[in-house]
């Protein structure tokens, strides 16, 4: 198990630095190797805004999906994204303890939405159960549907919106 904080004050320090946009030099975010992912670069990763979740879920159901609310430990989920923004993970670590939107995963436990939230938990409490909306289809099918959803957006490593990739 990954132990990031030598004592509880370290976590308080990390959260303070994140909230006040200070650099966290001694904090190392562990990310999966490219081999542990499906290899999708950040700017080709579909992003679903929390406000679009209801419409997205309805869209999935119209396309044959069944959705289940589950609690799944972070260490049992798998990423499809191969590039991660350290600042995004640090920001999500600062939000831990709040009520984040659930992750969305495929039936084969790949994450389609919520990689940085997942990494925040994986780096701090990997056995913790996360709220997940699991879609009853394998990732390749779920990814194709998600990319085709009209409100899906795409962002680069700096979290800047980029044009929709050509299919």
Foldseek 3Di string as FASTA:
>chain_A
DADFDPDPVVLVVLLVCLVVVHDDVSGDQDDDACVQALNAEQQQAWEDDPVCVVVLVVLVVVVPKDKDKDWAFLVQAGENYRDAQPSLLSNLLSVPPDDDDFFEAEPSRYTRYDPSNSSNCCNHPRRGTTTYIYIDHHPVVVRVSSLPPPPIWGAHSVRHTDDRDDD
